[in-house]
């Protein structure tokens, strides 16, 4: 169940992130999953935090998206209680996510002053590597790549599950990239300077 880090990603201080929200506008984080890509991929290295939001979780989001209920987070810490720990985990790391603009926007709202050196989007990378697919959602790409969703036990669309699957997707996509600069040019969110590796 351990998977090697592709050569093109080695030494890049990458962390895959997925967040789940309460359905509010703006959303509050109710779960965050992270996986640092400093060593071969293994499900035991996925870290998750449940968070009790200030506003209740929408029943529609619970039912149709992640399955997390208000009862599930009733005894969880608030964001303020975990923010320093999350900041420490993400500090100076290149952030990777699927449809990464969402994660970047939500995390930036929750962590004032936090600015990642670079944000890479596996959705953008997948569109480059596999043009013409009939969809680029994470579930669709898991099927396309043949990644076994049972590698990580847990409910789909929970933060830990999606972080693991995004990491596996990134590793698969990276095998199609000859060097880091090409991958960054294709996958970096707009507003990040691929040459400098940071915000314009």
N, C-alpha and C. Protein backbone atom coordinates (compact mmCIF):
# COMPACT_ATOMS: atom_id res chain seq x y z
N UNK A 1 0.83 -1.21 0.00
CA UNK A 1 0.00 0.00 0.00
C UNK A 1 0.86 1.26 0.00
N UNK A 2 2.19 1.13 0.13
CA UNK A 2 3.08 2.28 0.06
C UNK A 2 3.41 2.58 -1.40
N UNK A 3 3.37 3.86 -1.75
CA UNK A 3 3.63 4.28 -3.13
C UNK A 3 4.78 5.28 -3.15
N UNK A 4 5.73 5.12 -4.07
CA UNK A 4 6.88 6.03 -4.11
C UNK A 4 6.48 7.43 -4.58
N UNK A 5 7.26 8.40 -4.16
CA UNK A 5 7.09 9.77 -4.66
C UNK A 5 7.77 9.86 -6.03
N UNK A 6 7.08 10.31 -7.06
CA UNK A 6 7.72 10.43 -8.38
C UNK A 6 8.94 11.35 -8.33
N UNK A 7 9.90 11.05 -9.17
CA UNK A 7 11.16 11.80 -9.18
C UNK A 7 10.93 13.30 -9.34
N UNK A 8 9.99 13.69 -10.20
CA UNK A 8 9.77 15.10 -10.49
C UNK A 8 9.28 15.86 -9.26
N UNK A 9 8.70 15.17 -8.28
CA UNK A 9 8.18 15.82 -7.08
C UNK A 9 9.17 15.79 -5.91
N UNK A 10 10.22 15.04 -6.04
CA UNK A 10 11.14 14.84 -4.91
C UNK A 10 11.76 16.16 -4.45
N UNK A 11 11.76 16.37 -3.15
CA UNK A 11 12.41 17.53 -2.55
C UNK A 11 11.66 18.83 -2.67
N UNK A 12 10.37 18.80 -3.03
CA UNK A 12 9.63 20.04 -3.29
C UNK A 12 8.78 20.55 -2.12
N UNK A 13 8.81 19.89 -0.98
CA UNK A 13 8.05 20.34 0.21
C UNK A 13 6.57 20.54 -0.11
N UNK A 14 5.95 19.49 -0.63
CA UNK A 14 4.54 19.53 -1.01
C UNK A 14 3.66 19.02 0.12
N UNK A 15 2.50 19.63 0.28
CA UNK A 15 1.49 19.13 1.20
C UNK A 15 0.13 19.18 0.49
N UNK A 16 -0.51 18.02 0.42
CA UNK A 16 -1.85 17.93 -0.16
C UNK A 16 -2.86 18.30 0.92
N UNK A 17 -3.85 19.11 0.56
CA UNK A 17 -4.84 19.59 1.52
C UNK A 17 -6.24 19.41 0.95
N UNK A 18 -7.17 19.02 1.82
CA UNK A 18 -8.58 19.04 1.47
C UNK A 18 -9.36 19.58 2.66
N UNK A 19 -10.34 20.44 2.40
CA UNK A 19 -11.19 20.95 3.46
C UNK A 19 -12.65 20.65 3.14
N UNK A 20 -13.42 20.43 4.20
CA UNK A 20 -14.87 20.27 4.09
C UNK A 20 -15.52 21.38 4.91
N UNK A 21 -16.63 21.92 4.40
CA UNK A 21 -17.23 23.08 5.03
C UNK A 21 -18.61 22.82 5.60
N UNK A 22 -19.13 23.85 6.26
CA UNK A 22 -20.44 23.74 6.91
C UNK A 22 -21.60 24.13 6.00
N UNK A 23 -21.29 24.54 4.77
CA UNK A 23 -22.34 24.94 3.84
C UNK A 23 -22.72 26.40 3.93
N UNK A 24 -22.06 27.14 4.81
CA UNK A 24 -22.34 28.56 4.94
C UNK A 24 -21.66 29.38 3.87
N UNK A 25 -22.04 30.65 3.81
CA UNK A 25 -21.41 31.60 2.89
C UNK A 25 -20.99 32.82 3.68
N UNK A 26 -19.72 33.01 3.96
CA UNK A 26 -18.60 32.16 3.55
C UNK A 26 -18.57 30.86 4.36
N UNK A 27 -17.97 29.81 3.80
CA UNK A 27 -17.95 28.53 4.51
C UNK A 27 -16.99 28.54 5.69
N UNK A 28 -17.37 27.79 6.72
CA UNK A 28 -16.46 27.51 7.83
C UNK A 28 -15.96 26.08 7.70
N UNK A 29 -14.70 25.86 8.00
CA UNK A 29 -14.12 24.53 7.91
C UNK A 29 -14.66 23.65 9.04
N UNK A 30 -15.13 22.45 8.68
CA UNK A 30 -15.54 21.47 9.68
C UNK A 30 -14.62 20.26 9.69
N UNK A 31 -13.82 20.11 8.64
CA UNK A 31 -12.81 19.05 8.62
C UNK A 31 -11.70 19.45 7.67
N UNK A 32 -10.48 19.14 8.04
CA UNK A 32 -9.33 19.38 7.17
C UNK A 32 -8.46 18.13 7.18
N UNK A 33 -8.01 17.75 5.99
CA UNK A 33 -7.10 16.62 5.85
C UNK A 33 -5.83 17.08 5.15
N UNK A 34 -4.68 16.63 5.64
CA UNK A 34 -3.40 17.01 5.03
C UNK A 34 -2.51 15.79 4.91
N UNK A 35 -1.67 15.80 3.89
CA UNK A 35 -0.70 14.74 3.67
C UNK A 35 0.56 15.36 3.10
N UNK A 36 1.63 15.37 3.88
CA UNK A 36 2.92 15.88 3.41
C UNK A 36 3.58 14.84 2.52
N UNK A 37 4.13 15.29 1.41
CA UNK A 37 4.75 14.38 0.45
C UNK A 37 6.26 14.39 0.59
N UNK A 38 6.74 14.17 1.81
CA UNK A 38 8.17 14.14 2.09
C UNK A 38 8.74 12.73 2.06
N UNK A 39 7.89 11.74 1.98
CA UNK A 39 8.30 10.34 2.00
C UNK A 39 7.26 9.53 1.24
N UNK A 40 7.55 8.27 0.95
CA UNK A 40 6.58 7.47 0.18
C UNK A 40 5.17 7.55 0.77
N UNK A 41 4.19 7.52 -0.12
CA UNK A 41 2.80 7.68 0.28
C UNK A 41 2.30 6.44 1.00
N UNK A 42 1.69 6.67 2.15
CA UNK A 42 1.04 5.59 2.90
C UNK A 42 -0.16 6.17 3.62
N UNK A 43 -1.31 5.46 3.63
CA UNK A 43 -2.51 6.02 4.26
C UNK A 43 -2.33 6.45 5.71
N UNK A 44 -1.42 5.82 6.43
CA UNK A 44 -1.23 6.18 7.84
C UNK A 44 -0.68 7.58 8.02
N UNK A 45 -0.17 8.19 6.95
CA UNK A 45 0.43 9.52 7.05
C UNK A 45 -0.57 10.64 6.79
N UNK A 46 -1.82 10.28 6.50
CA UNK A 46 -2.86 11.30 6.34
C UNK A 46 -3.29 11.77 7.73
N UNK A 47 -3.26 13.08 7.94
CA UNK A 47 -3.70 13.67 9.22
C UNK A 47 -5.01 14.42 8.99
N UNK A 48 -5.94 14.27 9.93
CA UNK A 48 -7.22 14.97 9.81
C UNK A 48 -7.60 15.62 11.14
N UNK A 49 -8.35 16.70 11.03
CA UNK A 49 -8.89 17.40 12.19
C UNK A 49 -10.38 17.66 11.94
N UNK A 50 -11.23 17.31 12.88
CA UNK A 50 -12.61 17.75 12.88
C UNK A 50 -12.68 19.07 13.65
N UNK A 51 -13.51 19.99 13.18
CA UNK A 51 -13.57 21.33 13.75
C UNK A 51 -15.03 21.69 14.00
N UNK A 52 -15.32 22.25 15.15
CA UNK A 52 -16.68 22.71 15.47
C UNK A 52 -16.86 24.13 14.97
N UNK A 53 -17.72 24.34 13.97
CA UNK A 53 -17.90 25.69 13.44
C UNK A 53 -18.78 26.55 14.35
N UNK A 54 -18.72 27.86 14.12
CA UNK A 54 -19.59 28.76 14.88
C UNK A 54 -21.04 28.60 14.47
N UNK A 55 -21.27 28.42 13.16
CA UNK A 55 -22.62 28.23 12.64
C UNK A 55 -22.84 26.75 12.34
N UNK A 56 -24.04 26.24 12.53
CA UNK A 56 -24.30 24.81 12.33
C UNK A 56 -24.00 24.35 10.90
N UNK A 57 -23.72 23.07 10.77
CA UNK A 57 -23.53 22.46 9.46
C UNK A 57 -24.89 22.29 8.80
N UNK A 58 -24.98 22.71 7.55
CA UNK A 58 -26.22 22.58 6.80
C UNK A 58 -26.59 21.10 6.64
N UNK A 59 -27.85 20.79 6.85
CA UNK A 59 -28.30 19.41 6.70
C UNK A 59 -28.14 18.93 5.26
N UNK A 60 -28.26 19.85 4.30
CA UNK A 60 -28.08 19.48 2.89
C UNK A 60 -26.64 19.06 2.63
N UNK A 61 -25.67 19.79 3.19
CA UNK A 61 -24.26 19.45 3.02
C UNK A 61 -23.95 18.12 3.70
N UNK A 62 -24.51 17.94 4.89
CA UNK A 62 -24.31 16.66 5.58
C UNK A 62 -24.83 15.51 4.73
N UNK A 63 -26.01 15.67 4.19
CA UNK A 63 -26.67 14.58 3.46
C UNK A 63 -26.06 14.35 2.09
N UNK A 64 -25.69 15.42 1.37
CA UNK A 64 -25.31 15.27 -0.03
C UNK A 64 -23.82 15.36 -0.31
N UNK A 65 -23.04 15.83 0.68
CA UNK A 65 -21.61 16.04 0.39
C UNK A 65 -20.73 15.15 1.25
N UNK A 66 -20.48 15.55 2.50
CA UNK A 66 -19.45 14.86 3.27
C UNK A 66 -19.97 13.96 4.38
N UNK A 67 -21.25 14.07 4.74
CA UNK A 67 -21.80 13.21 5.77
C UNK A 67 -21.48 13.60 7.19
N UNK A 68 -20.79 14.74 7.39
CA UNK A 68 -20.43 15.18 8.74
C UNK A 68 -21.61 15.93 9.34
N UNK A 69 -22.05 15.51 10.52
CA UNK A 69 -23.21 16.14 11.17
C UNK A 69 -22.75 17.04 12.30
N UNK A 70 -23.67 17.84 12.80
CA UNK A 70 -23.36 18.68 13.96
C UNK A 70 -23.00 17.83 15.17
N UNK A 71 -23.61 16.67 15.30
CA UNK A 71 -23.28 15.77 16.41
C UNK A 71 -21.84 15.27 16.30
N UNK A 72 -21.36 15.07 15.08
CA UNK A 72 -20.00 14.59 14.88
C UNK A 72 -18.95 15.57 15.38
N UNK A 73 -19.26 16.86 15.32
CA UNK A 73 -18.27 17.87 15.68
C UNK A 73 -18.58 18.54 17.02
N UNK A 74 -19.60 18.06 17.72
CA UNK A 74 -20.04 18.73 18.95
C UNK A 74 -18.93 18.82 19.99
N UNK A 75 -18.06 17.82 20.05
CA UNK A 75 -16.98 17.82 21.04
C UNK A 75 -15.62 18.16 20.42
N UNK A 76 -15.63 18.62 19.18
CA UNK A 76 -14.38 18.95 18.49
C UNK A 76 -13.92 20.35 18.87
N UNK A 77 -12.63 20.63 18.70
CA UNK A 77 -12.14 21.99 18.98
C UNK A 77 -12.67 22.99 17.96
N UNK A 78 -12.68 24.25 18.34
CA UNK A 78 -13.00 25.31 17.39
C UNK A 78 -11.80 25.56 16.49
N UNK A 79 -12.03 26.33 15.43
CA UNK A 79 -10.91 26.66 14.54
C UNK A 79 -9.82 27.42 15.29
N UNK A 80 -10.21 28.33 16.15
CA UNK A 80 -9.22 29.10 16.90
C UNK A 80 -8.31 28.20 17.73
N UNK A 81 -8.83 27.08 18.17
CA UNK A 81 -8.05 26.16 18.99
C UNK A 81 -7.07 25.31 18.18
N UNK A 82 -7.29 25.18 16.88
CA UNK A 82 -6.38 24.37 16.06
C UNK A 82 -5.61 25.20 15.04
N UNK A 83 -5.93 26.48 14.92
CA UNK A 83 -5.35 27.31 13.85
C UNK A 83 -3.82 27.33 13.91
N UNK A 84 -3.24 27.46 15.09
CA UNK A 84 -1.78 27.50 15.19
C UNK A 84 -1.16 26.19 14.74
N UNK A 85 -1.79 25.08 15.10
CA UNK A 85 -1.27 23.78 14.68
C UNK A 85 -1.35 23.62 13.17
N UNK A 86 -2.46 24.02 12.58
CA UNK A 86 -2.62 23.93 11.13
C UNK A 86 -1.62 24.84 10.43
N UNK A 87 -1.43 26.04 10.95
CA UNK A 87 -0.46 26.96 10.37
C UNK A 87 0.93 26.33 10.36
N UNK A 88 1.29 25.68 11.46
CA UNK A 88 2.59 25.03 11.54
C UNK A 88 2.75 23.93 10.51
N UNK A 89 1.69 23.19 10.27
CA UNK A 89 1.73 22.09 9.30
C UNK A 89 1.88 22.62 7.87
N UNK A 90 1.25 23.77 7.58
CA UNK A 90 1.23 24.30 6.23
C UNK A 90 2.33 25.32 5.95
N UNK A 91 2.99 25.82 6.96
CA UNK A 91 3.95 26.91 6.79
C UNK A 91 5.05 26.54 5.79
N UNK A 92 5.27 27.44 4.84
CA UNK A 92 6.34 27.30 3.84
C UNK A 92 6.20 26.05 2.98
N UNK A 93 5.00 25.51 2.89
CA UNK A 93 4.78 24.33 2.07
C UNK A 93 4.07 24.71 0.77
N UNK A 94 4.43 24.03 -0.31
CA UNK A 94 3.67 24.13 -1.55
C UNK A 94 2.38 23.36 -1.35
N UNK A 95 1.26 24.03 -1.55
CA UNK A 95 -0.05 23.42 -1.32
C UNK A 95 -0.56 22.79 -2.61
N UNK A 96 -1.07 21.57 -2.48
CA UNK A 96 -1.67 20.86 -3.61
C UNK A 96 -3.10 20.51 -3.23
N UNK A 97 -4.03 20.73 -4.15
CA UNK A 97 -5.42 20.36 -3.91
C UNK A 97 -6.10 20.15 -5.25
N UNK A 98 -7.25 19.50 -5.21
CA UNK A 98 -8.05 19.33 -6.42
C UNK A 98 -9.09 20.45 -6.46
N UNK A 99 -9.12 21.17 -7.59
CA UNK A 99 -9.89 22.41 -7.67
C UNK A 99 -9.39 23.35 -6.59
N UNK A 100 -8.08 23.59 -6.62
CA UNK A 100 -7.34 24.18 -5.51
C UNK A 100 -7.74 25.60 -5.15
N UNK A 101 -8.38 26.33 -6.06
CA UNK A 101 -8.79 27.69 -5.74
C UNK A 101 -9.73 27.70 -4.53
N UNK A 102 -10.54 26.65 -4.38
CA UNK A 102 -11.46 26.58 -3.25
C UNK A 102 -10.69 26.44 -1.95
N UNK A 103 -9.77 25.48 -1.90
CA UNK A 103 -8.98 25.28 -0.68
C UNK A 103 -8.16 26.52 -0.34
N UNK A 104 -7.54 27.11 -1.35
CA UNK A 104 -6.70 28.28 -1.11
C UNK A 104 -7.53 29.44 -0.55
N UNK A 105 -8.71 29.66 -1.12
CA UNK A 105 -9.57 30.76 -0.68
C UNK A 105 -10.08 30.53 0.74
N UNK A 106 -10.54 29.31 1.03
CA UNK A 106 -11.08 29.03 2.35
C UNK A 106 -9.98 29.07 3.41
N UNK A 107 -8.84 28.48 3.12
CA UNK A 107 -7.74 28.49 4.09
C UNK A 107 -7.23 29.91 4.33
N UNK A 108 -7.14 30.71 3.28
CA UNK A 108 -6.67 32.09 3.45
C UNK A 108 -7.62 32.88 4.34
N UNK A 109 -8.93 32.62 4.22
CA UNK A 109 -9.91 33.31 5.07
C UNK A 109 -9.79 32.87 6.52
N UNK A 110 -9.39 31.62 6.74
CA UNK A 110 -9.27 31.09 8.10
C UNK A 110 -7.91 31.37 8.73
N UNK A 111 -6.90 31.64 7.89
CA UNK A 111 -5.53 31.84 8.40
C UNK A 111 -5.00 33.18 7.90
N UNK A 112 -5.46 34.29 8.49
CA UNK A 112 -4.98 35.61 8.06
C UNK A 112 -3.45 35.68 8.15
N UNK A 113 -2.85 36.19 7.09
CA UNK A 113 -1.40 36.31 7.07
C UNK A 113 -0.69 35.10 6.47
N UNK A 114 -1.41 34.00 6.29
CA UNK A 114 -0.80 32.81 5.68
C UNK A 114 -0.79 32.97 4.18
N UNK A 115 0.38 32.82 3.58
CA UNK A 115 0.51 32.88 2.13
C UNK A 115 1.42 31.75 1.69
N UNK A 116 0.90 30.75 1.00
CA UNK A 116 1.76 29.66 0.54
C UNK A 116 2.69 30.13 -0.56
N UNK A 117 3.87 29.53 -0.67
CA UNK A 117 4.78 29.92 -1.75
C UNK A 117 4.24 29.56 -3.13
N UNK A 118 3.37 28.56 -3.20
CA UNK A 118 2.85 28.09 -4.47
C UNK A 118 1.63 27.23 -4.19
N UNK A 119 0.63 27.27 -5.07
CA UNK A 119 -0.54 26.40 -4.98
C UNK A 119 -0.70 25.69 -6.30
N UNK A 120 -0.71 24.36 -6.26
CA UNK A 120 -0.85 23.54 -7.46
C UNK A 120 -2.21 22.87 -7.47
N UNK A 121 -2.81 22.82 -8.64
CA UNK A 121 -4.16 22.30 -8.80
C UNK A 121 -4.12 21.04 -9.65
N UNK A 122 -4.50 19.89 -9.06
CA UNK A 122 -4.50 18.65 -9.83
C UNK A 122 -5.57 18.64 -10.91
N UNK A 123 -6.61 19.44 -10.76
CA UNK A 123 -7.62 19.53 -11.81
C UNK A 123 -7.02 20.17 -13.06
N UNK A 124 -6.30 21.27 -12.89
CA UNK A 124 -5.64 21.92 -14.02
C UNK A 124 -4.62 20.98 -14.67
N UNK A 125 -3.88 20.25 -13.84
CA UNK A 125 -2.87 19.33 -14.36
C UNK A 125 -3.52 18.18 -15.13
N UNK A 126 -4.64 17.66 -14.62
CA UNK A 126 -5.34 16.57 -15.29
C UNK A 126 -5.86 17.01 -16.66
N UNK A 127 -6.37 18.22 -16.74
CA UNK A 127 -6.86 18.71 -18.04
C UNK A 127 -5.74 18.80 -19.06
N UNK A 128 -4.53 19.10 -18.59
CA UNK A 128 -3.38 19.16 -19.48
C UNK A 128 -2.92 17.77 -19.90
N UNK A 129 -2.84 16.86 -18.95
CA UNK A 129 -2.31 15.53 -19.22
C UNK A 129 -3.32 14.67 -19.99
N UNK A 130 -4.60 14.81 -19.64
CA UNK A 130 -5.65 13.99 -20.26
C UNK A 130 -6.74 14.90 -20.86
N UNK A 131 -6.46 15.59 -21.93
CA UNK A 131 -7.48 16.46 -22.53
C UNK A 131 -8.63 15.63 -23.09
N UNK A 132 -9.83 16.21 -23.02
CA UNK A 132 -10.96 15.58 -23.66
C UNK A 132 -11.73 14.58 -22.84
N UNK A 133 -11.42 14.45 -21.55
CA UNK A 133 -12.23 13.57 -20.71
C UNK A 133 -13.63 14.16 -20.56
N UNK A 134 -14.59 13.32 -20.20
CA UNK A 134 -15.95 13.82 -20.04
C UNK A 134 -16.21 14.43 -18.67
N UNK A 135 -15.20 14.51 -17.85
CA UNK A 135 -15.32 15.16 -16.56
C UNK A 135 -13.99 15.11 -15.82
N UNK A 136 -13.77 16.09 -14.95
CA UNK A 136 -12.51 16.19 -14.22
C UNK A 136 -12.71 16.27 -12.71
N UNK A 137 -13.88 15.85 -12.24
CA UNK A 137 -14.08 15.74 -10.80
C UNK A 137 -13.18 14.67 -10.23
N UNK A 138 -12.91 14.74 -8.95
CA UNK A 138 -11.99 13.79 -8.32
C UNK A 138 -12.48 12.35 -8.49
N UNK A 139 -13.76 12.11 -8.27
CA UNK A 139 -14.28 10.75 -8.43
C UNK A 139 -14.07 10.24 -9.85
N UNK A 140 -14.33 11.08 -10.82
CA UNK A 140 -14.17 10.67 -12.22
C UNK A 140 -12.71 10.34 -12.52
N UNK A 141 -11.79 11.12 -12.00
CA UNK A 141 -10.37 10.89 -12.27
C UNK A 141 -9.85 9.66 -11.53
N UNK A 142 -10.39 9.37 -10.37
CA UNK A 142 -10.02 8.14 -9.67
C UNK A 142 -10.36 6.94 -10.54
N UNK A 143 -11.54 6.95 -11.14
CA UNK A 143 -11.94 5.87 -12.03
C UNK A 143 -11.02 5.82 -13.25
N UNK A 144 -10.73 6.97 -13.84
CA UNK A 144 -9.90 7.04 -15.04
C UNK A 144 -8.51 6.47 -14.80
N UNK A 145 -7.93 6.77 -13.65
CA UNK A 145 -6.56 6.31 -13.35
C UNK A 145 -6.51 4.87 -12.88
N UNK A 146 -7.65 4.34 -12.43
CA UNK A 146 -7.64 2.99 -11.88
C UNK A 146 -7.15 2.92 -10.45
N UNK A 147 -7.05 4.07 -9.78
CA UNK A 147 -6.67 4.07 -8.36
C UNK A 147 -7.76 3.37 -7.56
N UNK A 148 -7.35 2.50 -6.66
CA UNK A 148 -8.30 1.74 -5.84
C UNK A 148 -8.81 2.62 -4.70
N UNK A 149 -10.10 2.97 -4.69
CA UNK A 149 -10.61 3.83 -3.62
C UNK A 149 -10.61 3.13 -2.26
N UNK A 150 -10.40 1.82 -2.24
CA UNK A 150 -10.36 1.10 -0.96
C UNK A 150 -8.98 1.15 -0.30
N UNK A 151 -8.01 1.82 -0.96
CA UNK A 151 -6.69 1.95 -0.35
C UNK A 151 -6.77 2.65 1.01
N UNK A 152 -7.70 3.58 1.11
CA UNK A 152 -7.89 4.30 2.36
C UNK A 152 -9.32 4.06 2.81
N UNK A 153 -9.45 3.38 3.92
CA UNK A 153 -10.81 3.12 4.41
C UNK A 153 -11.40 4.44 4.89
N UNK A 154 -12.66 4.63 4.60
CA UNK A 154 -13.31 5.87 5.02
C UNK A 154 -14.28 6.33 3.96
N UNK A 155 -15.10 7.25 4.35
CA UNK A 155 -16.16 7.73 3.48
C UNK A 155 -15.62 8.67 2.42
N UNK A 156 -16.10 8.50 1.20
CA UNK A 156 -15.73 9.44 0.15
C UNK A 156 -16.19 10.84 0.52
N UNK A 157 -15.40 11.80 0.09
CA UNK A 157 -15.67 13.21 0.32
C UNK A 157 -15.45 13.62 1.77
N UNK A 158 -14.87 12.76 2.57
CA UNK A 158 -14.30 13.23 3.83
C UNK A 158 -12.91 13.77 3.51
N UNK A 159 -12.42 14.67 4.35
CA UNK A 159 -11.18 15.38 4.03
C UNK A 159 -9.98 14.45 3.90
N UNK A 160 -9.87 13.47 4.79
CA UNK A 160 -8.73 12.56 4.71
C UNK A 160 -8.76 11.71 3.46
N UNK A 161 -9.94 11.21 3.11
CA UNK A 161 -10.09 10.40 1.90
C UNK A 161 -9.72 11.22 0.67
N UNK A 162 -10.26 12.42 0.57
CA UNK A 162 -10.00 13.23 -0.62
C UNK A 162 -8.55 13.69 -0.69
N UNK A 163 -7.92 13.96 0.46
CA UNK A 163 -6.50 14.32 0.45
C UNK A 163 -5.65 13.15 -0.05
N UNK A 164 -5.96 11.94 0.41
CA UNK A 164 -5.23 10.76 -0.04
C UNK A 164 -5.41 10.55 -1.54
N UNK A 165 -6.64 10.62 -2.02
CA UNK A 165 -6.89 10.39 -3.43
C UNK A 165 -6.25 11.48 -4.30
N UNK A 166 -6.23 12.71 -3.81
CA UNK A 166 -5.57 13.79 -4.55
C UNK A 166 -4.07 13.55 -4.62
N UNK A 167 -3.48 13.06 -3.53
CA UNK A 167 -2.04 12.75 -3.54
C UNK A 167 -1.74 11.64 -4.53
N UNK A 168 -2.58 10.62 -4.55
CA UNK A 168 -2.38 9.51 -5.50
C UNK A 168 -2.57 9.99 -6.94
N UNK A 169 -3.55 10.87 -7.14
CA UNK A 169 -3.76 11.44 -8.47
C UNK A 169 -2.56 12.26 -8.90
N UNK A 170 -2.05 13.11 -8.00
CA UNK A 170 -0.87 13.91 -8.31
C UNK A 170 0.30 13.04 -8.72
N UNK A 171 0.54 11.97 -7.96
CA UNK A 171 1.66 11.08 -8.27
C UNK A 171 1.50 10.47 -9.66
N UNK A 172 0.29 10.09 -10.01
CA UNK A 172 0.03 9.52 -11.33
C UNK A 172 0.25 10.56 -12.42
N UNK A 173 -0.27 11.76 -12.22
CA UNK A 173 -0.11 12.82 -13.20
C UNK A 173 1.35 13.23 -13.37
N UNK A 174 2.08 13.24 -12.25
CA UNK A 174 3.48 13.68 -12.29
C UNK A 174 4.35 12.78 -13.15
N UNK A 175 3.94 11.53 -13.31
CA UNK A 175 4.70 10.61 -14.16
C UNK A 175 4.68 11.05 -15.62
N UNK A 176 3.74 11.94 -15.98
CA UNK A 176 3.64 12.43 -17.34
C UNK A 176 4.39 13.75 -17.54
N UNK A 177 5.05 14.25 -16.50
CA UNK A 177 5.77 15.53 -16.58
C UNK A 177 7.27 15.27 -16.49
N UNK A 178 8.01 15.84 -17.43
CA UNK A 178 9.45 15.60 -17.47
C UNK A 178 10.22 16.36 -16.42
N UNK A 179 9.74 17.54 -16.06
CA UNK A 179 10.47 18.30 -15.04
C UNK A 179 9.51 19.19 -14.24
N UNK A 180 10.00 19.66 -13.12
CA UNK A 180 9.20 20.43 -12.17
C UNK A 180 8.68 21.71 -12.78
N UNK A 181 9.50 22.39 -13.56
CA UNK A 181 9.07 23.68 -14.12
C UNK A 181 7.87 23.52 -15.05
N UNK A 182 7.83 22.42 -15.80
CA UNK A 182 6.69 22.17 -16.68
C UNK A 182 5.43 21.91 -15.85
N UNK A 183 5.57 21.11 -14.81
CA UNK A 183 4.42 20.80 -13.95
C UNK A 183 3.88 22.07 -13.31
N UNK A 184 4.77 22.93 -12.82
CA UNK A 184 4.34 24.17 -12.18
C UNK A 184 3.65 25.09 -13.19
N UNK A 185 4.21 25.21 -14.36
CA UNK A 185 3.62 26.08 -15.36
C UNK A 185 2.18 25.67 -15.70
N UNK A 186 1.94 24.37 -15.72
CA UNK A 186 0.62 23.86 -16.07
C UNK A 186 -0.35 23.91 -14.90
N UNK A 187 0.13 23.57 -13.70
CA UNK A 187 -0.75 23.32 -12.56
C UNK A 187 -0.89 24.47 -11.58
N UNK A 188 0.00 25.47 -11.62
CA UNK A 188 -0.07 26.55 -10.63
C UNK A 188 -1.32 27.39 -10.81
N UNK A 189 -1.92 27.79 -9.70
CA UNK A 189 -3.05 28.70 -9.78
C UNK A 189 -2.62 30.04 -10.36
N UNK A 190 -3.50 30.70 -11.11
CA UNK A 190 -3.19 32.05 -11.58
C UNK A 190 -2.85 32.96 -10.41
N UNK A 191 -1.87 33.83 -10.62
CA UNK A 191 -1.44 34.72 -9.54
C UNK A 191 -0.17 34.26 -8.88
N UNK A 192 0.29 33.04 -9.21
CA UNK A 192 1.56 32.56 -8.71
C UNK A 192 2.57 32.58 -9.84
N UNK A 193 3.74 33.12 -9.57
CA UNK A 193 4.78 33.25 -10.56
C UNK A 193 5.53 31.92 -10.65
N UNK A 194 5.34 31.22 -11.76
CA UNK A 194 5.98 29.91 -11.92
C UNK A 194 7.50 30.00 -11.87
N UNK A 195 8.05 31.11 -12.36
CA UNK A 195 9.51 31.25 -12.37
C UNK A 195 10.05 31.46 -10.96
N UNK A 196 9.35 32.24 -10.18
CA UNK A 196 9.83 32.55 -8.84
C UNK A 196 9.28 31.62 -7.78
N UNK A 197 8.17 30.93 -8.09
CA UNK A 197 7.59 30.01 -7.12
C UNK A 197 6.82 30.72 -6.02
N UNK A 198 6.29 31.89 -6.30
CA UNK A 198 5.56 32.62 -5.29
C UNK A 198 4.53 33.54 -5.90
N UNK A 199 3.88 34.32 -5.07
CA UNK A 199 2.88 35.26 -5.57
C UNK A 199 3.54 36.39 -6.34
N UNK A 200 2.85 36.88 -7.37
CA UNK A 200 3.33 38.07 -8.07
C UNK A 200 3.30 39.25 -7.12
